[in-house]
N, C-alpha and C. Protein backbone atom coordinates (compact mmCIF):
# COMPACT_ATOMS: atom_id res chain seq x y z
N MET A 1 -74.08 55.89 12.10
CA MET A 1 -73.11 56.91 11.76
C MET A 1 -73.11 57.97 12.86
N SER A 2 -71.99 58.57 13.12
CA SER A 2 -71.89 59.58 14.17
C SER A 2 -72.19 60.97 13.63
N ASP A 3 -72.06 61.96 14.51
CA ASP A 3 -72.32 63.34 14.13
C ASP A 3 -71.07 64.02 13.57
N SER A 4 -70.05 63.25 13.22
CA SER A 4 -68.82 63.81 12.67
C SER A 4 -69.07 64.36 11.28
N PRO A 5 -68.31 65.38 10.88
CA PRO A 5 -68.44 65.88 9.52
C PRO A 5 -68.09 64.79 8.53
N PRO A 6 -68.63 64.85 7.30
CA PRO A 6 -68.40 63.79 6.33
C PRO A 6 -66.94 63.57 5.98
N ASP A 7 -66.09 64.59 6.11
CA ASP A 7 -64.69 64.43 5.76
C ASP A 7 -63.83 63.99 6.94
N ALA A 8 -64.44 63.65 8.07
CA ALA A 8 -63.69 63.28 9.26
C ALA A 8 -63.05 61.91 9.15
N GLY A 9 -63.52 61.06 8.25
CA GLY A 9 -62.92 59.75 8.03
C GLY A 9 -63.16 58.78 9.16
N VAL A 10 -62.38 57.73 9.13
CA VAL A 10 -62.50 56.66 10.12
C VAL A 10 -62.26 57.19 11.52
N LEU A 11 -61.26 58.02 11.66
CA LEU A 11 -60.91 58.57 12.97
C LEU A 11 -62.06 59.37 13.56
N GLY A 12 -62.69 60.19 12.76
CA GLY A 12 -63.82 60.99 13.24
C GLY A 12 -65.00 60.14 13.66
N ASP A 13 -65.19 59.01 12.99
CA ASP A 13 -66.31 58.13 13.30
C ASP A 13 -66.03 57.21 14.48
N ARG A 14 -64.79 56.77 14.66
CA ARG A 14 -64.49 55.73 15.65
C ARG A 14 -63.79 56.23 16.91
N LEU A 15 -63.36 57.48 16.96
CA LEU A 15 -62.64 57.98 18.13
C LEU A 15 -63.60 58.44 19.21
N ARG A 16 -63.44 57.88 20.41
CA ARG A 16 -64.18 58.34 21.59
C ARG A 16 -63.24 59.21 22.40
N LEU A 17 -63.76 60.34 22.84
CA LEU A 17 -62.97 61.20 23.72
C LEU A 17 -63.30 60.81 25.15
N GLY A 18 -62.30 60.34 25.86
CA GLY A 18 -62.49 59.88 27.22
C GLY A 18 -62.26 60.99 28.23
N THR A 19 -61.88 60.60 29.40
CA THR A 19 -61.65 61.50 30.52
C THR A 19 -60.71 62.64 30.14
N GLY A 20 -61.12 63.85 30.49
CA GLY A 20 -60.26 65.01 30.30
C GLY A 20 -60.45 65.79 29.01
N PHE A 21 -61.22 65.26 28.07
CA PHE A 21 -61.45 65.95 26.81
C PHE A 21 -62.93 66.26 26.65
N SER A 22 -63.23 67.38 25.97
CA SER A 22 -64.62 67.73 25.69
C SER A 22 -64.86 67.64 24.19
N GLU A 23 -66.11 67.52 23.81
CA GLU A 23 -66.48 67.42 22.39
C GLU A 23 -66.05 68.66 21.61
N SER A 24 -65.97 69.81 22.27
CA SER A 24 -65.57 71.03 21.56
C SER A 24 -64.12 70.95 21.08
N GLU A 25 -63.33 70.06 21.66
CA GLU A 25 -61.93 69.89 21.26
C GLU A 25 -61.76 68.90 20.11
N ARG A 26 -62.82 68.19 19.75
CA ARG A 26 -62.75 67.13 18.74
C ARG A 26 -62.12 67.59 17.42
N PRO A 27 -62.53 68.71 16.82
CA PRO A 27 -61.93 69.09 15.52
C PRO A 27 -60.40 69.26 15.59
N GLY A 28 -59.90 69.88 16.63
CA GLY A 28 -58.46 70.06 16.77
C GLY A 28 -57.73 68.74 16.99
N ILE A 29 -58.35 67.85 17.75
CA ILE A 29 -57.75 66.54 18.01
C ILE A 29 -57.72 65.72 16.72
N ILE A 30 -58.83 65.72 15.98
CA ILE A 30 -58.89 65.00 14.71
C ILE A 30 -57.81 65.53 13.76
N GLY A 31 -57.65 66.85 13.73
CA GLY A 31 -56.62 67.45 12.89
C GLY A 31 -55.22 67.01 13.28
N ARG A 32 -54.95 66.96 14.58
CA ARG A 32 -53.63 66.57 15.07
C ARG A 32 -53.35 65.09 14.80
N LEU A 33 -54.39 64.26 14.85
CA LEU A 33 -54.22 62.81 14.66
C LEU A 33 -54.47 62.36 13.22
N SER A 34 -54.58 63.30 12.28
CA SER A 34 -55.00 62.97 10.91
C SER A 34 -54.07 61.96 10.21
N ALA A 35 -52.80 61.94 10.53
CA ALA A 35 -51.90 60.96 9.92
C ALA A 35 -52.30 59.54 10.32
N LEU A 36 -52.83 59.39 11.51
CA LEU A 36 -53.33 58.09 11.96
C LEU A 36 -54.56 57.69 11.16
N ASP A 37 -55.39 58.66 10.81
CA ASP A 37 -56.60 58.37 10.03
C ASP A 37 -56.24 57.76 8.68
N ARG A 38 -55.20 58.26 8.06
CA ARG A 38 -54.77 57.70 6.78
C ARG A 38 -54.33 56.24 6.94
N ARG A 39 -53.71 55.90 8.05
CA ARG A 39 -53.26 54.52 8.29
C ARG A 39 -54.44 53.60 8.60
N LEU A 40 -55.47 54.13 9.25
CA LEU A 40 -56.64 53.32 9.61
C LEU A 40 -57.59 53.10 8.44
N GLY A 41 -57.39 53.83 7.35
CA GLY A 41 -58.28 53.73 6.20
C GLY A 41 -58.34 52.36 5.57
N SER A 42 -57.34 51.52 5.81
CA SER A 42 -57.33 50.19 5.21
C SER A 42 -58.14 49.17 6.01
N PHE A 43 -58.66 49.57 7.16
CA PHE A 43 -59.45 48.68 8.00
C PHE A 43 -60.93 48.99 7.88
N ARG A 44 -61.76 47.98 8.04
CA ARG A 44 -63.21 48.22 8.06
C ARG A 44 -63.54 49.03 9.30
N GLU A 45 -64.41 50.02 9.13
CA GLU A 45 -64.76 50.90 10.25
C GLU A 45 -65.32 50.14 11.44
N ASP A 46 -66.15 49.13 11.17
CA ASP A 46 -66.77 48.42 12.29
C ASP A 46 -65.81 47.47 13.00
N SER A 47 -64.57 47.37 12.54
CA SER A 47 -63.59 46.52 13.21
C SER A 47 -62.63 47.32 14.07
N LEU A 48 -62.88 48.61 14.22
CA LEU A 48 -61.99 49.51 14.97
C LEU A 48 -62.72 50.26 16.07
N ASP A 49 -62.02 50.51 17.14
CA ASP A 49 -62.47 51.44 18.18
C ASP A 49 -61.23 52.12 18.72
N LEU A 50 -61.33 53.42 18.94
CA LEU A 50 -60.22 54.20 19.49
C LEU A 50 -60.74 55.04 20.65
N GLU A 51 -59.91 55.22 21.66
CA GLU A 51 -60.28 56.09 22.78
C GLU A 51 -59.06 56.90 23.19
N LEU A 52 -59.28 58.20 23.35
CA LEU A 52 -58.23 59.12 23.77
C LEU A 52 -58.62 59.69 25.13
N SER A 53 -57.70 59.64 26.08
CA SER A 53 -57.99 60.18 27.41
C SER A 53 -56.74 60.90 27.94
N ILE A 54 -56.96 61.70 28.96
CA ILE A 54 -55.86 62.44 29.58
C ILE A 54 -56.07 62.45 31.08
N LYS A 55 -54.99 62.29 31.82
CA LYS A 55 -55.03 62.35 33.28
C LYS A 55 -54.16 63.51 33.73
N GLU A 56 -54.59 64.17 34.79
CA GLU A 56 -53.84 65.30 35.37
C GLU A 56 -53.56 66.37 34.32
N ARG A 57 -54.61 66.77 33.61
CA ARG A 57 -54.45 67.75 32.53
C ARG A 57 -53.81 69.03 33.03
N GLU A 58 -52.83 69.49 32.29
CA GLU A 58 -52.07 70.71 32.57
C GLU A 58 -51.31 70.65 33.88
N GLY A 59 -51.18 69.46 34.44
CA GLY A 59 -50.41 69.29 35.66
C GLY A 59 -49.02 68.76 35.34
N ALA A 60 -48.22 68.64 36.37
CA ALA A 60 -46.85 68.15 36.18
C ALA A 60 -46.84 66.68 35.75
N ASP A 61 -47.87 65.93 36.13
CA ASP A 61 -47.93 64.50 35.81
C ASP A 61 -48.92 64.20 34.69
N GLN A 62 -49.12 65.13 33.77
CA GLN A 62 -50.07 64.92 32.66
C GLN A 62 -49.70 63.67 31.87
N ARG A 63 -50.71 62.86 31.56
CA ARG A 63 -50.48 61.64 30.77
C ARG A 63 -51.61 61.48 29.77
N VAL A 64 -51.25 61.46 28.48
CA VAL A 64 -52.21 61.26 27.39
C VAL A 64 -52.12 59.80 26.96
N THR A 65 -53.29 59.16 26.82
CA THR A 65 -53.35 57.75 26.43
C THR A 65 -54.26 57.58 25.23
N LEU A 66 -53.78 56.88 24.21
CA LEU A 66 -54.57 56.53 23.04
C LEU A 66 -54.62 55.01 22.97
N GLU A 67 -55.85 54.47 23.00
CA GLU A 67 -56.05 53.02 22.93
C GLU A 67 -56.75 52.68 21.63
N CYS A 68 -56.36 51.56 21.05
CA CYS A 68 -56.95 51.11 19.79
C CYS A 68 -57.29 49.63 19.89
N TRP A 69 -58.53 49.32 19.56
CA TRP A 69 -58.98 47.93 19.51
C TRP A 69 -59.29 47.61 18.05
N MET A 70 -58.63 46.59 17.50
CA MET A 70 -58.86 46.15 16.13
C MET A 70 -59.27 44.68 16.17
N ALA A 71 -60.24 44.32 15.35
CA ALA A 71 -60.68 42.93 15.31
C ALA A 71 -59.50 42.02 14.97
N GLY A 72 -59.37 40.95 15.72
CA GLY A 72 -58.31 39.98 15.46
C GLY A 72 -56.95 40.38 16.00
N GLN A 73 -56.86 41.48 16.72
CA GLN A 73 -55.59 41.96 17.27
C GLN A 73 -55.75 42.19 18.76
N SER A 74 -54.64 42.18 19.47
CA SER A 74 -54.70 42.57 20.87
C SER A 74 -54.80 44.10 20.94
N ARG A 75 -55.22 44.60 22.07
CA ARG A 75 -55.38 46.05 22.25
C ARG A 75 -54.01 46.72 22.15
N LEU A 76 -53.99 47.85 21.46
CA LEU A 76 -52.77 48.65 21.32
C LEU A 76 -52.92 49.88 22.20
N VAL A 77 -51.87 50.23 22.94
CA VAL A 77 -51.91 51.38 23.84
C VAL A 77 -50.67 52.23 23.62
N SER A 78 -50.89 53.52 23.49
CA SER A 78 -49.80 54.47 23.33
C SER A 78 -49.99 55.57 24.37
N THR A 79 -48.92 55.92 25.09
CA THR A 79 -49.02 56.96 26.12
C THR A 79 -47.91 57.99 25.94
N SER A 80 -48.17 59.17 26.46
CA SER A 80 -47.17 60.23 26.45
C SER A 80 -47.28 61.03 27.73
N ALA A 81 -46.15 61.35 28.32
CA ALA A 81 -46.12 62.19 29.52
C ALA A 81 -45.60 63.58 29.20
N THR A 82 -45.55 63.93 27.92
CA THR A 82 -45.09 65.25 27.50
C THR A 82 -46.03 66.32 28.04
N SER A 83 -45.48 67.42 28.53
CA SER A 83 -46.31 68.45 29.17
C SER A 83 -47.15 69.25 28.18
N SER A 84 -46.70 69.42 26.95
CA SER A 84 -47.47 70.13 25.94
C SER A 84 -48.50 69.18 25.34
N LEU A 85 -49.78 69.56 25.39
CA LEU A 85 -50.84 68.70 24.87
C LEU A 85 -50.65 68.42 23.39
N GLN A 86 -50.30 69.42 22.60
CA GLN A 86 -50.11 69.22 21.16
C GLN A 86 -48.97 68.23 20.89
N ASP A 87 -47.87 68.38 21.62
CA ASP A 87 -46.74 67.46 21.45
C ASP A 87 -47.10 66.05 21.91
N ALA A 88 -47.88 65.96 22.98
CA ALA A 88 -48.31 64.65 23.48
C ALA A 88 -49.20 63.94 22.47
N LEU A 89 -50.12 64.69 21.84
CA LEU A 89 -50.99 64.10 20.82
C LEU A 89 -50.17 63.60 19.63
N THR A 90 -49.18 64.37 19.23
CA THR A 90 -48.31 63.96 18.13
C THR A 90 -47.53 62.70 18.51
N GLU A 91 -47.04 62.66 19.73
CA GLU A 91 -46.27 61.51 20.19
C GLU A 91 -47.11 60.23 20.23
N VAL A 92 -48.33 60.31 20.78
CA VAL A 92 -49.17 59.10 20.82
C VAL A 92 -49.61 58.69 19.42
N ARG A 93 -49.85 59.66 18.54
CA ARG A 93 -50.22 59.36 17.15
C ARG A 93 -49.10 58.59 16.46
N ASP A 94 -47.87 59.10 16.55
CA ASP A 94 -46.74 58.46 15.87
C ASP A 94 -46.47 57.06 16.43
N ASP A 95 -46.58 56.92 17.75
CA ASP A 95 -46.37 55.61 18.36
C ASP A 95 -47.47 54.63 17.96
N MET A 96 -48.72 55.10 17.87
CA MET A 96 -49.81 54.22 17.48
C MET A 96 -49.66 53.78 16.02
N ILE A 97 -49.23 54.67 15.15
CA ILE A 97 -48.98 54.30 13.75
C ILE A 97 -47.93 53.19 13.69
N ARG A 98 -46.86 53.34 14.46
CA ARG A 98 -45.81 52.32 14.49
C ARG A 98 -46.35 50.98 15.00
N GLN A 99 -47.15 51.01 16.06
CA GLN A 99 -47.71 49.77 16.61
C GLN A 99 -48.66 49.09 15.62
N ILE A 100 -49.48 49.88 14.93
CA ILE A 100 -50.41 49.31 13.95
C ILE A 100 -49.62 48.68 12.80
N GLU A 101 -48.59 49.35 12.32
CA GLU A 101 -47.77 48.80 11.24
C GLU A 101 -47.08 47.51 11.69
N ASP A 102 -46.57 47.49 12.92
CA ASP A 102 -45.94 46.27 13.44
C ASP A 102 -46.95 45.13 13.54
N ALA A 103 -48.15 45.42 14.03
CA ALA A 103 -49.18 44.39 14.19
C ALA A 103 -49.63 43.83 12.84
N THR A 104 -49.81 44.69 11.85
CA THR A 104 -50.25 44.20 10.54
C THR A 104 -49.13 43.46 9.82
N THR A 105 -47.89 43.86 10.03
CA THR A 105 -46.76 43.16 9.43
C THR A 105 -46.68 41.73 9.97
N ARG A 106 -46.93 41.56 11.27
CA ARG A 106 -46.90 40.22 11.87
C ARG A 106 -47.99 39.33 11.31
N GLN A 107 -49.06 39.90 10.75
CA GLN A 107 -50.16 39.13 10.19
C GLN A 107 -49.89 38.69 8.76
N GLU A 108 -48.86 39.21 8.12
CA GLU A 108 -48.55 38.85 6.74
C GLU A 108 -47.85 37.50 6.71
N PRO A 109 -48.24 36.61 5.79
CA PRO A 109 -47.65 35.28 5.73
C PRO A 109 -46.13 35.27 5.60
N ARG A 110 -45.57 36.23 4.88
CA ARG A 110 -44.11 36.22 4.71
C ARG A 110 -43.38 36.49 6.02
N ASN A 111 -44.08 37.08 7.01
CA ASN A 111 -43.47 37.38 8.29
C ASN A 111 -43.95 36.47 9.41
N ASN A 112 -44.84 35.53 9.09
CA ASN A 112 -45.38 34.65 10.10
C ASN A 112 -45.45 33.24 9.51
N ARG A 113 -44.53 32.41 9.92
CA ARG A 113 -44.40 31.07 9.35
C ARG A 113 -45.70 30.27 9.45
N SER A 114 -46.45 30.42 10.53
CA SER A 114 -47.68 29.64 10.71
C SER A 114 -48.78 30.04 9.73
N LEU A 115 -48.68 31.21 9.11
CA LEU A 115 -49.69 31.66 8.15
C LEU A 115 -49.36 31.29 6.71
N ARG A 116 -48.17 30.79 6.47
CA ARG A 116 -47.77 30.44 5.11
C ARG A 116 -48.50 29.20 4.64
N GLN A 117 -48.85 29.18 3.36
CA GLN A 117 -49.48 28.00 2.78
C GLN A 117 -48.42 26.94 2.54
N LYS A 118 -48.79 25.72 2.82
CA LYS A 118 -47.85 24.62 2.61
C LYS A 118 -48.15 23.95 1.29
N PRO A 119 -47.11 23.58 0.54
CA PRO A 119 -47.33 22.95 -0.78
C PRO A 119 -47.97 21.59 -0.68
């Protein structure tokens, strides 16, 4: 178990802060990405890894990247070049939620002919 507060959820336990972020920013980042935490709640914690990084922080070419590794899925990557850090975090969060929903929908038998049971 990590040093995250007990109410931090899956996101607090599985999110690594990569290049450009410090641990002191973790509570604010977790708060901004909390909608993603609700979506990740249906997965086993040990089947997930997330990493958030930023390049050229506060520069004209700032780029925020959120990567997600889920067991049985290919890596999901969401990026934002928005200059406001808060807006960039919201953008990568919303895009990651969409990608996770798309990936899990493809795993459902009704949406994947090869997964359907044959009579």
